Amino acid sequence: MRSRNPVFSRRGFSRDNGYAGFNTAPQAGGPAVATQGNPYAQPTGNPYAQNPYAQNPYAQQDVQHGAPPQAPATTGRMTIDDVVLRTASTLGVLILTAALSWALLPVDDANISRSYGIGIGAALIGMVLAFVQSFKRKASPALILTYAAFEGVFLGVVSNIVDSRIADGAAMQAVIGTMAVFAGVLIAYKAGWIRVNRRFYGFVMAAALGFIMLMMVNLLFAVFGGGDGLGFRSGALGVVFGIIGIILGACFLALDFKQVEDGVAYGAPREEAWLAAFGLTLTLVWIYLEFLRLISILNSND
């Protein structure tokens, strides 16, 4: 399946990657998998006939001798541990650079312009790197970690500004809120309270597209008209859109969990764990920034 992030669309565990269970041809000993047009299609018929470990999707049948495919190799496949380790590495780099930028880029009256400029520059570089990785067919660990480093610089500067000038303790509150959303969505997903299917996917993508378009329009009005544009990021309307942004981030977490689950079940290569880590990092950054923005609005209205 292909999972998308609210900021960047990226290549996921799609049918053209050749993982078991994603092609439309019948497998030996099991029914066909109807996946045409449905990114979350599941095998039909006997669920045990489509065990992704029952045969090797990469093995080539010996046409000359008519030999059946060989048994699958158990090495080189993505596991949950791989995803956890690579996600921890990516977030670790992000947190480290955020802490360094917080400490080394002061936001007092004499230095705030320089520090803010460096933060915005780092954000733009991180965005470019994220776009490059999104359009690459294979994961690049160096590219993903470099993105995390630059994104951390931006988050450190912005968090320091909000924490020291708008709301004391805002950064820690945003971190706690992000962790709470992650834990809540994970529990709900594992318990089956959230069902990621085609309808869910379509609804989330449509809502995210509308949300991003509104934010872009608001930004254009703010740039050319001054102030906060259409007011989507201040006052009561800003609070509403902040909550919507957090809910959208939670929905994309569910899509990311589905992506990881399918990648493990269908025997994705181990290097694909970096893509899962990249997607989870993007989503967590999105949720953190929405929390930080919401806290800023609530405190500025006091």
C-alpha atoms as a PDB file:
ATOM      1  CA  MET A   1       0.000   0.000   0.000  1.00  0.00           C
ATOM      2  CA  ARG A   2       1.003   3.604  -0.253  1.00  0.00           C
ATOM      3  CA  SER A   3       0.754   5.821   2.762  1.00  0.00           C
ATOM      4  CA  ARG A   4       0.959   9.588   2.419  1.00  0.00           C
ATOM      5  CA  ASN A   5       2.003  12.241   4.855  1.00  0.00           C
ATOM      6  CA  PRO A   6       0.065  15.518   5.161  1.00  0.00           C
ATOM      7  CA  VAL A   7       3.122  17.504   4.101  1.00  0.00           C
ATOM      8  CA  PHE A   8       4.830  15.287   1.528  1.00  0.00           C
ATOM      9  CA  SER A   9       3.616  12.365  -0.524  1.00  0.00           C
ATOM     10  CA  ARG A  10       6.181   9.603  -0.453  1.00  0.00           C
ATOM     11  CA  ARG A  11       6.770   6.195  -1.946  1.00  0.00           C
ATOM     12  CA  GLY A  12       5.596   3.445   0.367  1.00  0.00           C
ATOM     13  CA  PHE A  13       5.062  -0.271   0.140  1.00  0.00           C
ATOM     14  CA  SER A  14       3.292  -0.092  -3.200  1.00  0.00           C
ATOM     15  CA  ARG A  15       2.378  -2.818  -5.654  1.00  0.00           C
ATOM     16  CA  ASP A  16       5.204  -1.982  -8.041  1.00  0.00           C
ATOM     17  CA  ASN A  17       7.738  -2.799  -5.353  1.00  0.00           C
ATOM     18  CA  GLY A  18       6.982  -6.478  -5.847  1.00  0.00           C
ATOM     19  CA  TYR A  19       6.238  -7.458  -2.257  1.00  0.00           C
ATOM     20  CA  ALA A  20       4.229 -10.579  -1.637  1.00  0.00           C
ATOM     21  CA  GLY A  21       0.477 -10.027  -1.692  1.00  0.00           C
ATOM     22  CA  PHE A  22       0.538  -6.863  -3.819  1.00  0.00           C
ATOM     23  CA  ASN A  23       0.382  -8.300  -7.310  1.00  0.00           C
ATOM     24  CA  THR A  24      -2.808  -9.279  -9.035  1.00  0.00           C
ATOM     25  CA  ALA A  25      -1.654 -12.607 -10.404  1.00  0.00           C
ATOM     26  CA  PRO A  26      -2.872 -15.748  -8.548  1.00  0.00           C
ATOM     27  CA  GLN A  27      -0.295 -17.239  -6.217  1.00  0.00           C
ATOM     28  CA  ALA A  28       0.427 -20.923  -6.110  1.00  0.00           C
ATOM     29  CA  GLY A  29      -1.845 -22.574  -3.544  1.00  0.00           C
ATOM     30  CA  GLY A  30      -3.974 -19.466  -2.960  1.00  0.00           C
ATOM     31  CA  PRO A  31      -6.509 -17.117  -4.580  1.00  0.00           C
ATOM     32  CA  ALA A  32      -5.732 -13.900  -6.380  1.00  0.00           C
ATOM     33  CA  VAL A  33      -5.329 -10.712  -4.389  1.00  0.00           C
ATOM     34  CA  ALA A  34      -7.664  -8.038  -5.655  1.00  0.00           C
ATOM     35  CA  THR A  35      -5.661  -4.879  -5.254  1.00  0.00           C
ATOM     36  CA  GLN A  36      -6.435  -2.948  -8.415  1.00  0.00           C
ATOM     37  CA  GLY A  37      -7.296   0.597  -7.388  1.00  0.00           C
ATOM     38  CA  ASN A  38      -7.475  -0.204  -3.691  1.00  0.00           C
ATOM     39  CA  PRO A  39      -4.381   0.654  -1.645  1.00  0.00           C
ATOM     40  CA  TYR A  40      -5.735  -1.278   1.329  1.00  0.00           C
ATOM     41  CA  ALA A  41      -7.150  -4.335  -0.444  1.00  0.00           C
ATOM     42  CA  GLN A  42      -6.867  -7.565   1.527  1.00  0.00           C
ATOM     43  CA  PRO A  43      -6.656 -11.165   0.259  1.00  0.00           C
ATOM     44  CA  THR A  44      -9.962 -12.899  -0.354  1.00  0.00           C
ATOM     45  CA  GLY A  45     -10.877 -16.481   0.336  1.00  0.00           C
ATOM     46  CA  ASN A  46      -8.928 -18.551   2.812  1.00  0.00           C
ATOM     47  CA  PRO A  47      -6.801 -16.082   4.823  1.00  0.00           C
ATOM     48  CA  TYR A  48      -4.211 -18.760   5.518  1.00  0.00           C
ATOM     49  CA  ALA A  49      -3.720 -19.506   1.843  1.00  0.00           C
ATOM     50  CA  GLN A  50      -2.102 -16.100   1.442  1.00  0.00           C
ATOM     51  CA  ASN A  51       0.501 -16.480   4.186  1.00  0.00           C
ATOM     52  CA  PRO A  52       3.271 -14.150   2.958  1.00  0.00           C
ATOM     53  CA  TYR A  53       5.844 -16.553   4.356  1.00  0.00           C
ATOM     54  CA  ALA A  54       4.389 -19.608   2.594  1.00  0.00           C
ATOM     55  CA  GLN A  55       6.371 -18.827  -0.536  1.00  0.00           C
ATOM     56  CA  ASN A  56       9.096 -16.481  -1.673  1.00  0.00           C
ATOM     57  CA  PRO A  57       7.706 -13.665  -3.853  1.00  0.00           C
ATOM     58  CA  TYR A  58      11.212 -12.957  -5.128  1.00  0.00           C
ATOM     59  CA  ALA A  59      12.090 -16.535  -6.026  1.00  0.00           C
ATOM     60  CA  GLN A  60      12.003 -17.334  -9.757  1.00  0.00           C
ATOM     61  CA  GLN A  61      10.506 -20.628 -10.846  1.00  0.00           C
ATOM     62  CA  ASP A  62      12.812 -22.926 -12.768  1.00  0.00           C
ATOM     63  CA  VAL A  63      10.954 -22.843 -16.087  1.00  0.00           C
ATOM     64  CA  GLN A  64      13.234 -25.359 -17.753  1.00  0.00           C
ATOM     65  CA  HIS A  65      12.698 -28.062 -15.146  1.00  0.00           C
ATOM     66  CA  GLY A  66       9.293 -26.927 -13.906  1.00  0.00           C
ATOM     67  CA  ALA A  67      10.557 -26.709 -10.321  1.00  0.00           C
ATOM     68  CA  PRO A  68       8.391 -24.874  -7.788  1.00  0.00           C
ATOM     69  CA  PRO A  69       9.660 -21.719  -6.070  1.00  0.00           C
ATOM     70  CA  GLN A  70      12.156 -22.245  -3.285  1.00  0.00           C
ATOM     71  CA  ALA A  71      11.305 -21.670   0.360  1.00  0.00           C
ATOM     72  CA  PRO A  72      11.637 -18.031   1.435  1.00  0.00           C
ATOM     73  CA  ALA A  73      14.766 -16.771   3.071  1.00  0.00           C
ATOM     74  CA  THR A  74      14.064 -15.438   6.539  1.00  0.00           C
ATOM     75  CA  THR A  75      16.833 -12.835   6.421  1.00  0.00           C
ATOM     76  CA  GLY A  76      16.739  -9.407   4.881  1.00  0.00           C
ATOM     77  CA  ARG A  77      13.061  -8.766   5.642  1.00  0.00           C
ATOM     78  CA  MET A  78      11.730  -5.802   7.568  1.00  0.00           C
ATOM     79  CA  THR A  79      10.641  -6.354  11.167  1.00  0.00           C
ATOM     80  CA  ILE A  80       9.001  -4.174  13.801  1.00  0.00           C
ATOM     81  CA  ASP A  81      12.354  -4.006  15.590  1.00  0.00           C
ATOM     82  CA  ASP A  82      13.941  -2.587  12.432  1.00  0.00           C
ATOM     83  CA  VAL A  83      11.304   0.143  12.244  1.00  0.00           C
ATOM     84  CA  VAL A  84      11.644   0.978  15.948  1.00  0.00           C
ATOM     85  CA  LEU A  85      15.444   1.171  15.729  1.00  0.00           C
ATOM     86  CA  ARG A  86      15.505   3.388  12.637  1.00  0.00           C
ATOM     87  CA  THR A  87      12.735   5.624  13.926  1.00  0.00           C
ATOM     88  CA  ALA A  88      14.620   6.031  17.203  1.00  0.00           C
ATOM     89  CA  SER A  89      17.784   6.914  15.257  1.00  0.00           C
ATOM     90  CA  THR A  90      15.970   9.506  13.138  1.00  0.00           C
ATOM     91  CA  LEU A  91      14.197  11.084  16.093  1.00  0.00           C
ATOM     92  CA  GLY A  92      17.420  10.959  18.114  1.00  0.00           C
ATOM     93  CA  VAL A  93      19.237  13.053  15.496  1.00  0.00           C
ATOM     94  CA  LEU A  94      16.306  15.470  15.355  1.00  0.00           C
ATOM     95  CA  ILE A  95      16.164  15.875  19.148  1.00  0.00           C
ATOM     96  CA  LEU A  96      19.946  16.305  19.414  1.00  0.00           C
ATOM     97  CA  THR A  97      20.113  19.088  16.821  1.00  0.00           C
ATOM     98  CA  ALA A  98      17.012  20.712  18.337  1.00  0.00           C
ATOM     99  CA  ALA A  99      18.697  20.797  21.745  1.00  0.00           C
ATOM    100  CA  LEU A 100      21.916  22.186  20.254  1.00  0.00           C
ATOM    101  CA  SER A 101      20.118  24.929  18.336  1.00  0.00           C
ATOM    102  CA  TRP A 102      18.140  25.825  21.469  1.00  0.00           C
ATOM    103  CA  ALA A 103      21.400  26.205  23.402  1.00  0.00           C
ATOM    104  CA  LEU A 104      23.577  27.787  20.704  1.00  0.00           C
ATOM    105  CA  LEU A 105      21.089  30.061  18.912  1.00  0.00           C
ATOM    106  CA  PRO A 106      19.798  32.568  21.506  1.00  0.00           C
ATOM    107  CA  VAL A 107      16.508  34.344  20.880  1.00  0.00           C
ATOM    108  CA  ASP A 108      17.054  37.461  22.960  1.00  0.00           C
ATOM    109  CA  ASP A 109      16.432  40.886  21.432  1.00  0.00           C
ATOM    110  CA  ALA A 110      19.972  41.129  20.088  1.00  0.00           C
ATOM    111  CA  ASN A 111      20.079  37.705  18.411  1.00  0.00           C
ATOM    112  CA  ILE A 112      16.519  36.716  17.578  1.00  0.00           C
ATOM    113  CA  SER A 113      16.660  37.896  13.963  1.00  0.00           C
ATOM    114  CA  ARG A 114      19.828  35.930  13.230  1.00  0.00           C
ATOM    115  CA  SER A 115      18.632  32.812  15.050  1.00  0.00           C
ATOM    116  CA  TYR A 116      15.215  32.940  13.416  1.00  0.00           C
ATOM    117  CA  GLY A 117      16.829  33.355   9.992  1.00  0.00           C
ATOM    118  CA  ILE A 118      19.018  30.299  10.563  1.00  0.00           C
ATOM    119  CA  GLY A 119      15.968  28.348  11.706  1.00  0.00           C
ATOM    120  CA  ILE A 120      13.949  29.261   8.620  1.00  0.00           C
ATOM    121  CA  GLY A 121      16.910  28.417   6.394  1.00  0.00           C
ATOM    122  CA  ALA A 122      17.230  25.022   8.070  1.00  0.00           C
ATOM    123  CA  ALA A 123      13.502  24.431   7.586  1.00  0.00           C
ATOM    124  CA  LEU A 124      13.740  25.161   3.859  1.00  0.00           C
ATOM    125  CA  ILE A 125      16.732  22.830   3.470  1.00  0.00           C
ATOM    126  CA  GLY A 126      14.881  20.141   5.403  1.00  0.00           C
ATOM    127  CA  MET A 127      11.848  20.565   3.169  1.00  0.00           C
ATOM    128  CA  VAL A 128      13.947  20.153   0.038  1.00  0.00           C
ATOM    129  CA  LEU A 129      15.614  17.034   1.440  1.00  0.00           C
ATOM    130  CA  ALA A 130      12.225  15.607   2.383  1.00  0.00           C
ATOM    131  CA  PHE A 131      10.932  16.195  -1.152  1.00  0.00           C
ATOM    132  CA  VAL A 132      14.013  14.518  -2.626  1.00  0.00           C
ATOM    133  CA  GLN A 133      13.547  11.454  -0.418  1.00  0.00           C
ATOM    134  CA  SER A 134       9.825  11.380  -1.181  1.00  0.00           C
ATOM    135  CA  PHE A 135      10.513  11.030  -4.902  1.00  0.00           C
ATOM    136  CA  LYS A 136      13.359   8.552  -4.543  1.00  0.00           C
ATOM    137  CA  ARG A 137      12.416   4.964  -5.242  1.00  0.00           C
ATOM    138  CA  LYS A 138      14.630   3.655  -2.442  1.00  0.00           C
ATOM    139  CA  ALA A 139      15.264   4.920   1.043  1.00  0.00           C
ATOM    140  CA  SER A 140      18.483   6.828   1.638  1.00  0.00           C
ATOM    141  CA  PRO A 141      19.470   6.646   5.322  1.00  0.00           C
ATOM    142  CA  ALA A 142      21.978   9.501   4.942  1.00  0.00           C
ATOM    143  CA  LEU A 143      19.347  11.714   3.326  1.00  0.00           C
ATOM    144  CA  ILE A 144      16.751  10.899   5.987  1.00  0.00           C
ATOM    145  CA  LEU A 145      19.154  11.567   8.868  1.00  0.00           C
ATOM    146  CA  THR A 146      20.331  14.822   7.253  1.00  0.00           C
ATOM    147  CA  TYR A 147      16.697  15.908   6.920  1.00  0.00           C
ATOM    148  CA  ALA A 148      16.183  15.120  10.611  1.00  0.00           C
ATOM    149  CA  ALA A 149      19.248  17.201  11.530  1.00  0.00           C
ATOM    150  CA  PHE A 150      18.066  20.318   9.673  1.00  0.00           C
ATOM    151  CA  GLU A 151      14.480  19.873  10.863  1.00  0.00           C
ATOM    152  CA  GLY A 152      15.809  19.677  14.417  1.00  0.00           C
ATOM    153  CA  VAL A 153      17.579  23.032  14.036  1.00  0.00           C
ATOM    154  CA  PHE A 154      14.308  24.628  12.922  1.00  0.00           C
ATOM    155  CA  LEU A 155      12.291  23.033  15.724  1.00  0.00           C
ATOM    156  CA  GLY A 156      14.870  24.082  18.328  1.00  0.00           C
ATOM    157  CA  VAL A 157      14.740  27.738  17.300  1.00  0.00           C
ATOM    158  CA  VAL A 158      10.948  27.913  16.963  1.00  0.00           C
ATOM    159  CA  SER A 159      10.397  26.058  20.238  1.00  0.00           C
ATOM    160  CA  ASN A 160      12.798  28.383  22.052  1.00  0.00           C
ATOM    161  CA  ILE A 161      11.021  31.458  20.700  1.00  0.00           C
ATOM    162  CA  VAL A 162       7.572  30.217  21.729  1.00  0.00           C
ATOM    163  CA  ASP A 163       8.782  28.943  25.100  1.00  0.00           C
ATOM    164  CA  SER A 164      10.683  32.075  26.093  1.00  0.00           C
ATOM    165  CA  ARG A 165       8.525  34.794  24.535  1.00  0.00           C
ATOM    166  CA  ILE A 166       4.944  33.499  24.406  1.00  0.00           C
ATOM    167  CA  ALA A 167       4.267  30.606  26.774  1.00  0.00           C
ATOM    168  CA  ASP A 168       6.704  29.316  29.357  1.00  0.00           C
ATOM    169  CA  GLY A 169       6.865  25.510  29.143  1.00  0.00           C
ATOM    170  CA  ALA A 170       5.157  25.389  25.728  1.00  0.00           C
ATOM    171  CA  ALA A 171       7.804  23.106  24.215  1.00  0.00           C
ATOM    172  CA  MET A 172       7.414  20.463  26.929  1.00  0.00           C
ATOM    173  CA  GLN A 173       3.634  20.680  26.700  1.00  0.00           C
ATOM    174  CA  ALA A 174       3.828  20.133  22.934  1.00  0.00           C
ATOM    175  CA  VAL A 175       6.149  17.144  23.414  1.00  0.00           C
ATOM    176  CA  ILE A 176       3.796  15.586  25.966  1.00  0.00           C
ATOM    177  CA  GLY A 177       0.818  16.225  23.700  1.00  0.00           C
ATOM    178  CA  THR A 178       2.586  14.614  20.730  1.00  0.00           C
ATOM    179  CA  MET A 179       3.532  11.559  22.795  1.00  0.00           C
ATOM    180  CA  ALA A 180      -0.048  11.265  24.071  1.00  0.00           C
ATOM    181  CA  VAL A 181      -1.466  11.361  20.532  1.00  0.00           C
ATOM    182  CA  PHE A 182       1.065   8.761  19.353  1.00  0.00           C
ATOM    183  CA  ALA A 183       0.262   6.421  22.250  1.00  0.00           C
ATOM    184  CA  GLY A 184      -3.486   6.928  21.897  1.00  0.00           C
ATOM    185  CA  VAL A 185      -3.542   6.237  18.158  1.00  0.00           C
ATOM    186  CA  LEU A 186      -1.290   3.189  18.561  1.00  0.00           C
ATOM    187  CA  ILE A 187      -3.555   1.717  21.253  1.00  0.00           C
ATOM    188  CA  ALA A 188      -6.694   2.461  19.233  1.00  0.00           C
ATOM    189  CA  TYR A 189      -5.147   0.965  16.082  1.00  0.00           C
ATOM    190  CA  LYS A 190      -3.986  -2.234  17.805  1.00  0.00           C
ATOM    191  CA  ALA A 191      -7.362  -2.606  19.526  1.00  0.00           C
ATOM    192  CA  GLY A 192      -9.141  -2.353  16.181  1.00  0.00           C
ATOM    193  CA  TRP A 193     -10.991   0.843  17.040  1.00  0.00           C
ATOM    194  CA  ILE A 194      -9.443   2.491  13.978  1.00  0.00           C
ATOM    195  CA  ARG A 195      -9.919   0.588  10.737  1.00  0.00           C
ATOM    196  CA  VAL A 196      -7.668   1.809   7.960  1.00  0.00           C
ATOM    197  CA  ASN A 197      -9.483   0.984   4.744  1.00  0.00           C
ATOM    198  CA  ARG A 198     -10.090   2.660   1.419  1.00  0.00           C
ATOM    199  CA  ARG A 199     -12.843   4.892   2.776  1.00  0.00           C
ATOM    200  CA  PHE A 200     -10.674   6.045   5.689  1.00  0.00           C
ATOM    201  CA  TYR A 201      -7.752   6.677   3.340  1.00  0.00           C
ATOM    202  CA  GLY A 202      -9.877   8.734   0.928  1.00  0.00           C
ATOM    203  CA  PHE A 203     -11.447  10.796   3.702  1.00  0.00           C
ATOM    204  CA  VAL A 204      -8.083  11.604   5.319  1.00  0.00           C
ATOM    205  CA  MET A 205      -6.456  12.544   2.025  1.00  0.00           C
ATOM    206  CA  ALA A 206      -9.362  14.799   1.019  1.00  0.00           C
ATOM    207  CA  ALA A 207      -9.416  16.486   4.434  1.00  0.00           C
ATOM    208  CA  ALA A 208      -5.641  16.991   4.422  1.00  0.00           C
ATOM    209  CA  LEU A 209      -5.696  18.453   0.909  1.00  0.00           C
ATOM    210  CA  GLY A 210      -8.407  20.917   1.884  1.00  0.00           C
ATOM    211  CA  PHE A 211      -6.584  21.834   5.086  1.00  0.00           C
ATOM    212  CA  ILE A 212      -3.282  22.478   3.319  1.00  0.00           C
ATOM    213  CA  MET A 213      -4.963  24.532   0.582  1.00  0.00           C
ATOM    214  CA  LEU A 214      -6.666  26.724   3.182  1.00  0.00           C
ATOM    215  CA  MET A 215      -3.370  27.257   5.001  1.00  0.00           C
ATOM    216  CA  MET A 216      -1.667  28.203   1.733  1.00  0.00           C
ATOM    217  CA  VAL A 217      -4.409  30.714   0.919  1.00  0.00           C
ATOM    218  CA  ASN A 218      -4.150  32.136   4.432  1.00  0.00           C
ATOM    219  CA  LEU A 219      -0.365  32.444   4.020  1.00  0.00           C
ATOM    220  CA  LEU A 220      -0.743  34.301   0.719  1.00  0.00           C
ATOM    221  CA  PHE A 221      -3.209  36.754   2.260  1.00  0.00           C
ATOM    222  CA  ALA A 222      -0.843  37.242   5.206  1.00  0.00           C
ATOM    223  CA  VAL A 223       2.147  37.910   2.932  1.00  0.00           C
ATOM    224  CA  PHE A 224       0.382  40.369   0.633  1.00  0.00           C
ATOM    225  CA  GLY A 225      -2.249  41.772   2.993  1.00  0.00           C
ATOM    226  CA  GLY A 226      -0.405  41.760   6.284  1.00  0.00           C
ATOM    227  CA  GLY A 227      -1.564  40.494   9.643  1.00  0.00           C
ATOM    228  CA  ASP A 228      -2.763  36.909   9.910  1.00  0.00           C
ATOM    229  CA  GLY A 229      -4.389  36.755   6.512  1.00  0.00           C
ATOM    230  CA  LEU A 230      -7.843  35.202   6.796  1.00  0.00           C
ATOM    231  CA  GLY A 231      -7.445  34.540  10.506  1.00  0.00           C
ATOM    232  CA  PHE A 232      -7.042  30.766  10.303  1.00  0.00           C
ATOM    233  CA  ARG A 233      -4.067  30.896  12.660  1.00  0.00           C
ATOM    234  CA  SER A 234      -5.278  33.223  15.398  1.00  0.00           C
ATOM    235  CA  GLY A 235      -8.232  33.664  17.708  1.00  0.00           C
ATOM    236  CA  ALA A 236     -11.058  31.169  18.026  1.00  0.00           C
ATOM    237  CA  LEU A 237     -10.757  30.145  14.369  1.00  0.00           C
ATOM    238  CA  GLY A 238      -7.061  29.469  14.881  1.00  0.00           C
ATOM    239  CA  VAL A 239      -7.831  27.192  17.832  1.00  0.00           C
ATOM    240  CA  VAL A 240     -10.332  25.242  15.723  1.00  0.00           C
ATOM    241  CA  PHE A 241      -7.862  24.800  12.887  1.00  0.00           C
ATOM    242  CA  GLY A 242      -5.123  23.850  15.351  1.00  0.00           C
ATOM    243  CA  ILE A 243      -7.310  21.046  16.705  1.00  0.00           C
ATOM    244  CA  ILE A 244      -8.165  19.949  13.166  1.00  0.00           C
ATOM    245  CA  GLY A 245      -4.465  19.854  12.333  1.00  0.00           C
ATOM    246  CA  ILE A 246      -3.748  17.606  15.322  1.00  0.00           C
ATOM    247  CA  ILE A 247      -6.626  15.276  14.390  1.00  0.00           C
ATOM    248  CA  LEU A 248      -5.309  15.037  10.829  1.00  0.00           C
ATOM    249  CA  GLY A 249      -1.859  14.193  12.195  1.00  0.00           C
ATOM    250  CA  ALA A 250      -3.418  11.431  14.292  1.00  0.00           C
ATOM    251  CA  CYS A 251      -5.154  10.042  11.209  1.00  0.00           C
ATOM    252  CA  PHE A 252      -1.869   9.981   9.317  1.00  0.00           C
ATOM    253  CA  LEU A 253      -0.282   8.131  12.215  1.00  0.00           C
ATOM    254  CA  ALA A 254      -2.882   5.421  11.682  1.00  0.00           C
ATOM    255  CA  LEU A 255      -1.947   5.290   7.981  1.00  0.00           C
ATOM    256  CA  ASP A 256       1.725   5.029   8.947  1.00  0.00           C
ATOM    257  CA  PHE A 257       0.972   2.157  11.346  1.00  0.00           C
ATOM    258  CA  LYS A 258      -0.902   0.390   8.543  1.00  0.00           C
ATOM    259  CA  GLN A 259       2.067   0.914   6.238  1.00  0.00           C
ATOM    260  CA  VAL A 260       4.428  -0.643   8.775  1.00  0.00           C
ATOM    261  CA  GLU A 261       2.087  -3.540   9.483  1.00  0.00           C
ATOM    262  CA  ASP A 262       1.666  -4.356   5.799  1.00  0.00           C
ATOM    263  CA  GLY A 263       5.388  -4.024   5.133  1.00  0.00           C
ATOM    264  CA  VAL A 264       6.201  -6.560   7.839  1.00  0.00           C
ATOM    265  CA  ALA A 265       3.390  -8.929   6.843  1.00  0.00           C
ATOM    266  CA  TYR A 266       4.246  -8.874   3.146  1.00  0.00           C
ATOM    267  CA  GLY A 267       7.986  -9.302   3.618  1.00  0.00           C
ATOM    268  CA  ALA A 268       9.263  -5.875   2.605  1.00  0.00           C
ATOM    269  CA  PRO A 269      13.073  -5.579   2.389  1.00  0.00           C
ATOM    270  CA  ARG A 270      14.768  -4.457   5.589  1.00  0.00           C
ATOM    271  CA  GLU A 271      15.922  -1.148   4.081  1.00  0.00           C
ATOM    272  CA  GLU A 272      12.268  -0.141   3.720  1.00  0.00           C
ATOM    273  CA  ALA A 273      12.242   0.351   7.500  1.00  0.00           C
ATOM    274  CA  TRP A 274      13.975   3.682   6.809  1.00  0.00           C
ATOM    275  CA  LEU A 275      10.940   4.783   4.767  1.00  0.00           C
ATOM    276  CA  ALA A 276       8.670   3.893   7.662  1.00  0.00           C
ATOM    277  CA  ALA A 277      10.915   5.859  10.038  1.00  0.00           C
ATOM    278  CA  PHE A 278      10.887   8.806   7.642  1.00  0.00           C
ATOM    279  CA  GLY A 279       7.101   8.818   7.435  1.00  0.00           C
ATOM    280  CA  LEU A 280       6.626   8.535  11.183  1.00  0.00           C
ATOM    281  CA  THR A 281       9.081  11.385  11.753  1.00  0.00           C
ATOM    282  CA  LEU A 282       7.259  13.647   9.300  1.00  0.00           C
ATOM    283  CA  THR A 283       3.932  12.948  10.990  1.00  0.00           C
ATOM    284  CA  LEU A 284       5.270  13.475  14.512  1.00  0.00           C
ATOM    285  CA  VAL A 285       6.860  16.792  13.472  1.00  0.00           C
ATOM    286  CA  TRP A 286       3.510  17.844  11.988  1.00  0.00           C
ATOM    287  CA  ILE A 287       1.661  17.019  15.240  1.00  0.00           C
ATOM    288  CA  TYR A 288       4.297  18.744  17.412  1.00  0.00           C
ATOM    289  CA  LEU A 289       4.137  21.950  15.381  1.00  0.00           C
ATOM    290  CA  GLU A 290       0.336  21.966  15.536  1.00  0.00           C
ATOM    291  CA  PHE A 291       0.464  21.578  19.321  1.00  0.00           C
ATOM    292  CA  LEU A 292       3.060  24.344  19.575  1.00  0.00           C
ATOM    293  CA  ARG A 293       0.939  26.641  17.413  1.00  0.00           C
ATOM    294  CA  LEU A 294      -2.212  25.831  19.400  1.00  0.00           C
ATOM    295  CA  ILE A 295      -0.481  26.554  22.713  1.00  0.00           C
ATOM    296  CA  SER A 296       0.794  29.858  21.308  1.00  0.00           C
ATOM    297  CA  ILE A 297      -2.697  30.910  20.237  1.00  0.00           C
ATOM    298  CA  LEU A 298      -4.261  29.980  23.570  1.00  0.00           C
ATOM    299  CA  ASN A 299      -1.619  31.915  25.521  1.00  0.00           C
ATOM    300  CA  SER A 300      -1.707  34.952  23.241  1.00  0.00           C
ATOM    301  CA  ASN A 301      -5.478  35.183  23.797  1.00  0.00           C
ATOM    302  CA  ASP A 302      -5.113  35.321  27.588  1.00  0.00           C
END
